[in-house]
C-alpha atoms as a PDB file:
ATOM      1  CA  MET A   1     -14.481 -16.194  32.394  1.00  0.00           C
ATOM      2  CA  SER A   2     -17.274 -18.672  32.702  1.00  0.00           C
ATOM      3  CA  ILE A   3     -18.208 -19.892  36.120  1.00  0.00           C
ATOM      4  CA  GLY A   4     -18.355 -23.614  36.609  1.00  0.00           C
ATOM      5  CA  SER A   5     -18.973 -25.608  39.730  1.00  0.00           C
ATOM      6  CA  PHE A   6     -17.610 -28.809  41.162  1.00  0.00           C
ATOM      7  CA  ASN A   7     -18.248 -30.886  44.229  1.00  0.00           C
ATOM      8  CA  ILE A   8     -15.702 -32.411  46.617  1.00  0.00           C
ATOM      9  CA  LEU A   9     -16.975 -34.612  49.426  1.00  0.00           C
ATOM     10  CA  GLY A  10     -20.389 -33.019  49.269  1.00  0.00           C
ATOM     11  CA  VAL A  11     -19.079 -29.446  49.329  1.00  0.00           C
ATOM     12  CA  SER A  12     -19.862 -27.339  46.245  1.00  0.00           C
ATOM     13  CA  PHE A  13     -17.228 -24.989  44.865  1.00  0.00           C
ATOM     14  CA  LEU A  14     -17.407 -22.366  42.148  1.00  0.00           C
ATOM     15  CA  ALA A  15     -14.524 -22.064  39.712  1.00  0.00           C
ATOM     16  CA  LEU A  16     -13.657 -19.839  36.800  1.00  0.00           C
ATOM     17  CA  VAL A  17     -13.367 -21.803  33.566  1.00  0.00           C
ATOM     18  CA  TYR A  18     -11.127 -20.650  30.734  1.00  0.00           C
ATOM     19  CA  PHE A  19     -11.529 -22.142  27.286  1.00  0.00           C
ATOM     20  CA  LEU A  20      -9.047 -22.844  24.520  1.00  0.00           C
ATOM     21  CA  THR A  21     -10.186 -23.038  20.914  1.00  0.00           C
ATOM     22  CA  TYR A  22      -9.396 -26.062  18.771  1.00  0.00           C
ATOM     23  CA  VAL A  23     -10.007 -27.090  15.217  1.00  0.00           C
ATOM     24  CA  ILE A  24     -10.209 -30.565  13.772  1.00  0.00           C
ATOM     25  CA  SER A  25     -10.226 -31.360  10.099  1.00  0.00           C
ATOM     26  CA  VAL A  26     -12.920 -33.760   8.944  1.00  0.00           C
ATOM     27  CA  LYS A  27     -12.491 -35.582   5.657  1.00  0.00           C
ATOM     28  CA  GLU A  28     -15.687 -36.661   4.000  1.00  0.00           C
ATOM     29  CA  LYS A  29     -15.584 -38.279   0.555  1.00  0.00           C
ATOM     30  CA  ASP A  30     -13.723 -35.795  -1.676  1.00  0.00           C
ATOM     31  CA  ARG A  31     -13.839 -32.753   0.613  1.00  0.00           C
ATOM     32  CA  THR A  32     -12.365 -31.554   3.872  1.00  0.00           C
ATOM     33  CA  TYR A  33     -14.079 -29.217   6.305  1.00  0.00           C
ATOM     34  CA  TYR A  34     -13.172 -27.921   9.718  1.00  0.00           C
ATOM     35  CA  GLU A  35     -14.999 -28.043  13.027  1.00  0.00           C
ATOM     36  CA  ILE A  36     -14.199 -25.542  15.775  1.00  0.00           C
ATOM     37  CA  TYR A  37     -14.537 -26.369  19.457  1.00  0.00           C
ATOM     38  CA  ALA A  38     -14.096 -24.340  22.635  1.00  0.00           C
ATOM     39  CA  VAL A  39     -12.837 -26.746  25.267  1.00  0.00           C
ATOM     40  CA  PRO A  40     -12.244 -25.952  28.949  1.00  0.00           C
ATOM     41  CA  MET A  41      -8.525 -25.520  29.476  1.00  0.00           C
ATOM     42  CA  ALA A  42      -8.343 -28.258  32.121  1.00  0.00           C
ATOM     43  CA  GLU A  43      -9.951 -30.962  29.943  1.00  0.00           C
ATOM     44  CA  GLU A  44      -7.944 -33.549  28.044  1.00  0.00           C
ATOM     45  CA  LYS A  45      -8.011 -33.134  24.269  1.00  0.00           C
ATOM     46  CA  SER A  46      -7.648 -35.686  21.537  1.00  0.00           C
ATOM     47  CA  GLU A  47      -4.395 -35.478  19.562  1.00  0.00           C
ATOM     48  CA  ASP A  48      -6.290 -34.580  16.384  1.00  0.00           C
ATOM     49  CA  TYR A  49      -7.401 -31.303  18.025  1.00  0.00           C
ATOM     50  CA  LYS A  50      -5.132 -28.454  16.906  1.00  0.00           C
ATOM     51  CA  GLU A  51      -5.144 -25.306  19.022  1.00  0.00           C
ATOM     52  CA  ILE A  52      -5.945 -22.146  17.058  1.00  0.00           C
ATOM     53  CA  TYR A  53      -6.101 -18.507  18.010  1.00  0.00           C
ATOM     54  CA  PHE A  54      -8.744 -15.985  17.044  1.00  0.00           C
ATOM     55  CA  VAL A  55      -8.550 -12.214  17.065  1.00  0.00           C
ATOM     56  CA  CYS A  56     -11.999 -11.871  18.584  1.00  0.00           C
ATOM     57  CA  THR A  57     -12.678 -13.856  21.726  1.00  0.00           C
ATOM     58  CA  HIS A  58     -14.780 -13.480  24.840  1.00  0.00           C
ATOM     59  CA  THR A  59     -12.970 -12.859  28.111  1.00  0.00           C
ATOM     60  CA  ASN A  60     -13.242 -16.587  28.837  1.00  0.00           C
ATOM     61  CA  GLY A  61     -11.342 -17.506  25.651  1.00  0.00           C
ATOM     62  CA  VAL A  62     -14.319 -18.700  23.576  1.00  0.00           C
ATOM     63  CA  PHE A  63     -14.122 -17.396  20.018  1.00  0.00           C
ATOM     64  CA  GLU A  64     -16.595 -14.826  18.776  1.00  0.00           C
ATOM     65  CA  SER A  65     -18.497 -15.905  15.672  1.00  0.00           C
ATOM     66  CA  THR A  66     -18.139 -13.912  12.471  1.00  0.00           C
ATOM     67  CA  GLY A  67     -21.859 -13.140  12.627  1.00  0.00           C
ATOM     68  CA  ALA A  68     -21.513 -11.594  16.078  1.00  0.00           C
ATOM     69  CA  VAL A  69     -18.453  -9.564  15.016  1.00  0.00           C
ATOM     70  CA  GLY A  70     -20.346  -8.376  11.948  1.00  0.00           C
ATOM     71  CA  GLN A  71     -23.255  -7.283  14.113  1.00  0.00           C
ATOM     72  CA  MET A  72     -20.905  -5.333  16.391  1.00  0.00           C
ATOM     73  CA  CYS A  73     -19.443  -3.580  13.355  1.00  0.00           C
ATOM     74  CA  ARG A  74     -22.918  -2.679  12.038  1.00  0.00           C
ATOM     75  CA  THR A  75     -23.819  -1.299  15.458  1.00  0.00           C
ATOM     76  CA  ALA A  76     -20.629   0.793  15.488  1.00  0.00           C
ATOM     77  CA  GLN A  77     -21.457   2.076  11.986  1.00  0.00           C
ATOM     78  CA  GLN A  78     -24.812   3.312  13.224  1.00  0.00           C
ATOM     79  CA  LYS A  79     -23.711   4.758  16.553  1.00  0.00           C
ATOM     80  CA  VAL A  80     -20.254   6.238  15.967  1.00  0.00           C
ATOM     81  CA  LYS A  81     -19.829   9.192  13.651  1.00  0.00           C
ATOM     82  CA  GLY A  82     -17.050   8.561  11.136  1.00  0.00           C
ATOM     83  CA  LEU A  83     -17.436   4.773  11.140  1.00  0.00           C
ATOM     84  CA  GLU A  84     -20.243   4.645   8.580  1.00  0.00           C
ATOM     85  CA  ASN A  85     -18.113   2.525   6.202  1.00  0.00           C
ATOM     86  CA  PHE A  86     -16.344   0.464   8.868  1.00  0.00           C
ATOM     87  CA  HIS A  87     -16.186  -3.300   8.578  1.00  0.00           C
ATOM     88  CA  PHE A  88     -13.989  -5.734  10.443  1.00  0.00           C
ATOM     89  CA  HIS A  89     -11.876  -6.627   7.409  1.00  0.00           C
ATOM     90  CA  LEU A  90     -10.502  -3.070   7.448  1.00  0.00           C
ATOM     91  CA  LEU A  91      -8.560  -4.032  10.575  1.00  0.00           C
ATOM     92  CA  ARG A  92      -6.791  -6.775   8.599  1.00  0.00           C
ATOM     93  CA  HIS A  93      -5.815  -4.241   5.942  1.00  0.00           C
ATOM     94  CA  THR A  94      -4.659  -1.716   8.538  1.00  0.00           C
ATOM     95  CA  PHE A  95      -2.600  -4.351  10.362  1.00  0.00           C
ATOM     96  CA  THR A  96      -0.920  -5.521   7.158  1.00  0.00           C
ATOM     97  CA  SER A  97      -0.336  -2.064   5.694  1.00  0.00           C
ATOM     98  CA  ASN A  98       1.257  -0.847   8.922  1.00  0.00           C
ATOM     99  CA  LEU A  99       3.590  -3.831   9.176  1.00  0.00           C
ATOM    100  CA  LEU A 100       4.647  -3.663   5.522  1.00  0.00           C
ATOM    101  CA  SER A 101       5.212   0.087   5.585  1.00  0.00           C
ATOM    102  CA  ASN A 102       7.404  -0.384   8.662  1.00  0.00           C
ATOM    103  CA  GLY A 103       9.610  -2.972   7.008  1.00  0.00           C
ATOM    104  CA  ALA A 104       7.958  -6.350   7.606  1.00  0.00           C
ATOM    105  CA  ALA A 105       9.044  -8.981   5.093  1.00  0.00           C
ATOM    106  CA  SER A 106       6.386  -9.635   2.466  1.00  0.00           C
ATOM    107  CA  LYS A 107       6.941 -13.403   2.721  1.00  0.00           C
ATOM    108  CA  ASP A 108       6.244 -13.252   6.474  1.00  0.00           C
ATOM    109  CA  MET A 109       3.079 -11.254   5.837  1.00  0.00           C
ATOM    110  CA  GLN A 110       1.949 -13.737   3.184  1.00  0.00           C
ATOM    111  CA  GLU A 111       2.225 -16.548   5.725  1.00  0.00           C
ATOM    112  CA  LEU A 112       0.519 -14.575   8.504  1.00  0.00           C
ATOM    113  CA  LEU A 113      -2.380 -13.707   6.224  1.00  0.00           C
ATOM    114  CA  GLY A 114      -2.702 -17.225   4.852  1.00  0.00           C
ATOM    115  CA  HIS A 115      -2.287 -16.200   1.213  1.00  0.00           C
ATOM    116  CA  ALA A 116      -1.305 -19.015  -1.150  1.00  0.00           C
ATOM    117  CA  ASN A 117       1.557 -16.984  -2.586  1.00  0.00           C
ATOM    118  CA  VAL A 118       3.409 -13.753  -1.909  1.00  0.00           C
ATOM    119  CA  SER A 119       2.187 -12.120  -5.131  1.00  0.00           C
ATOM    120  CA  THR A 120      -1.374 -12.120  -3.768  1.00  0.00           C
ATOM    121  CA  THR A 121      -0.191 -10.241  -0.692  1.00  0.00           C
ATOM    122  CA  MET A 122       1.830  -7.739  -2.682  1.00  0.00           C
ATOM    123  CA  ASN A 123      -0.910  -7.148  -5.277  1.00  0.00           C
ATOM    124  CA  ILE A 124      -3.319  -6.212  -2.489  1.00  0.00           C
ATOM    125  CA  TYR A 125      -0.896  -4.283  -0.265  1.00  0.00           C
ATOM    126  CA  ALA A 126       1.554  -2.739  -2.749  1.00  0.00           C
ATOM    127  CA  HIS A 127       0.492   0.764  -1.676  1.00  0.00           C
ATOM    128  CA  ALA A 128       1.950   0.079   1.769  1.00  0.00           C
ATOM    129  CA  THR A 129       5.411  -0.508   0.397  1.00  0.00           C
ATOM    130  CA  ARG A 130       5.622   2.618  -1.820  1.00  0.00           C
ATOM    131  CA  GLU A 131       6.879   4.795   1.033  1.00  0.00           C
ATOM    132  CA  ALA A 132       9.321   2.059   2.049  1.00  0.00           C
ATOM    133  CA  LYS A 133      10.658   2.113  -1.541  1.00  0.00           C
ATOM    134  CA  ARG A 134      11.040   5.889  -1.404  1.00  0.00           C
ATOM    135  CA  THR A 135      12.946   5.561   1.862  1.00  0.00           C
ATOM    136  CA  SER A 136      15.223   2.929   0.294  1.00  0.00           C
ATOM    137  CA  ALA A 137      15.813   5.166  -2.734  1.00  0.00           C
ATOM    138  CA  ARG A 138      16.751   8.066  -0.437  1.00  0.00           C
ATOM    139  CA  LEU A 139      19.161   5.778   1.393  1.00  0.00           C
ATOM    140  CA  LEU A 140      20.734   4.746  -1.913  1.00  0.00           C
ATOM    141  CA  ASP A 141      21.035   8.416  -2.892  1.00  0.00           C
ATOM    142  CA  LYS A 142      22.918   9.035   0.355  1.00  0.00           C
ATOM    143  CA  VAL A 143      25.276   6.120  -0.252  1.00  0.00           C
ATOM    144  CA  VAL A 144      25.954   6.979  -3.900  1.00  0.00           C
ATOM    145  CA  GLY A 145      25.988  10.724  -3.282  1.00  0.00           C
ATOM    146  CA  GLY A 146      28.329  10.325  -0.333  1.00  0.00           C
ATOM    147  CA  GLU A 147      26.080  12.238   2.069  1.00  0.00           C
END
């Protein structure tokens, strides 16, 4: 949490400030880009601000930049044996592979990951569904075989 201060009738108070992260889309000529803002939770926001959620945030809710996350990963690579090839994107793959191999719907995963179509998701993560297919085949064997 960040510490802010305010004054009531000449008496100063300290307060913890929690931030929410918002994005606004800015259209300029023939392109659109996005601006990200961390706004104190208690402040009023314009209606064009859309709240978004990041995986990596500070304890006060402010998002962690990709550069800072990358630096943390490089530090971990240097200091922790076995993490020499670690990068943050591996967590995305682990998350997705685990959900798919445990039965998550590929269409749901496509939407969570922000892929344009489900074939992109399945082309990247097909390995995660192989065991699920084997399990389904065994189930079919049981049904057809009468076990």
